[in-house]
């Protein structure tokens, strides 16, 4: 082979390799939902729908972060989406919002299936109830497969019972979610049966550190931050924060600072994988969506799921 022929062959090989590299990084355009709109979508083979908001400004061929918003007990996805105002936040920051609905009947709405924990009706979920961990996994996997969502940047927030479900996902599905943000519902596993003012370590064993930001009000009488309340609650929010800090291997002493005239923040840092644990308390705040959406997203968006 002549030097010229070799050179031409080498250049051709480089062109082929460059083309393969481009193909590997190309993404199919997201065809689920519609930019700038909120639509109903089925979660894979589960047959259960959820609401999806795709911001208008997102490029269709670029997977985006996803925030799953879980409603409170007795609610549904549509009402939760309206109450949280996260659609506007998503438009401003460029992420998708999914608002699913649970399947266990509770009053005029529905409650999430957290195994071993009674719902607000007193019912303990059993094998006849839908598996909500699997339902939400199907939701995520479908959006990832469609090219809509970046798998390393999937986050969960929720109100009250939805906050407890978000906490549960942090415990049992840390391989799927990058960070959680419970609102008036932070837990770190089920209450101990013999000592319900403490979280049961056996019921929350995440496979990796889970970053947490939680929001609550100090006059909440439904999920009181000082503990007590219904059987699903019992231990304090502070106990939940401490347990997550221990699970994340946080080494620095907690710090407290005022972040707004009526809001103070307790932060545990020096954690494995930089997985901080943050509790934001609104003085005089009750049982409602009192999260600062911009602060919520600023915290969550710092994190990517390890290994992706």
Foldseek 3Di string as FASTA:
>chain_A
DDPVVVVVVVVVVVVVVVVVVVVVPWADFQPPDDAPDWDWDALPPPRFIKIKYFHNPDGRGAAFAEEEEEEAALDFQVVRCVQQVCSVVCNVPPHMYIRGAADDDDHNGHAHQDAPAAHPVRDHDDPVGDDVLVSVVSNLVVCVVSNHHDQQRYEYEYAARSLQVSLLCVQPPLQRHWAYEYELHQAQAFADPVGRQAHDNVGGQGPAQHAYEYEYECPAPCQHQCADHDRRHGHHPVNSLVVSCVNQVQDDDWDKDAPDPFKIKIKGANGVVRRIHMYIYGYVDYRGNPDPSVVVCVVSVVTTRPPD
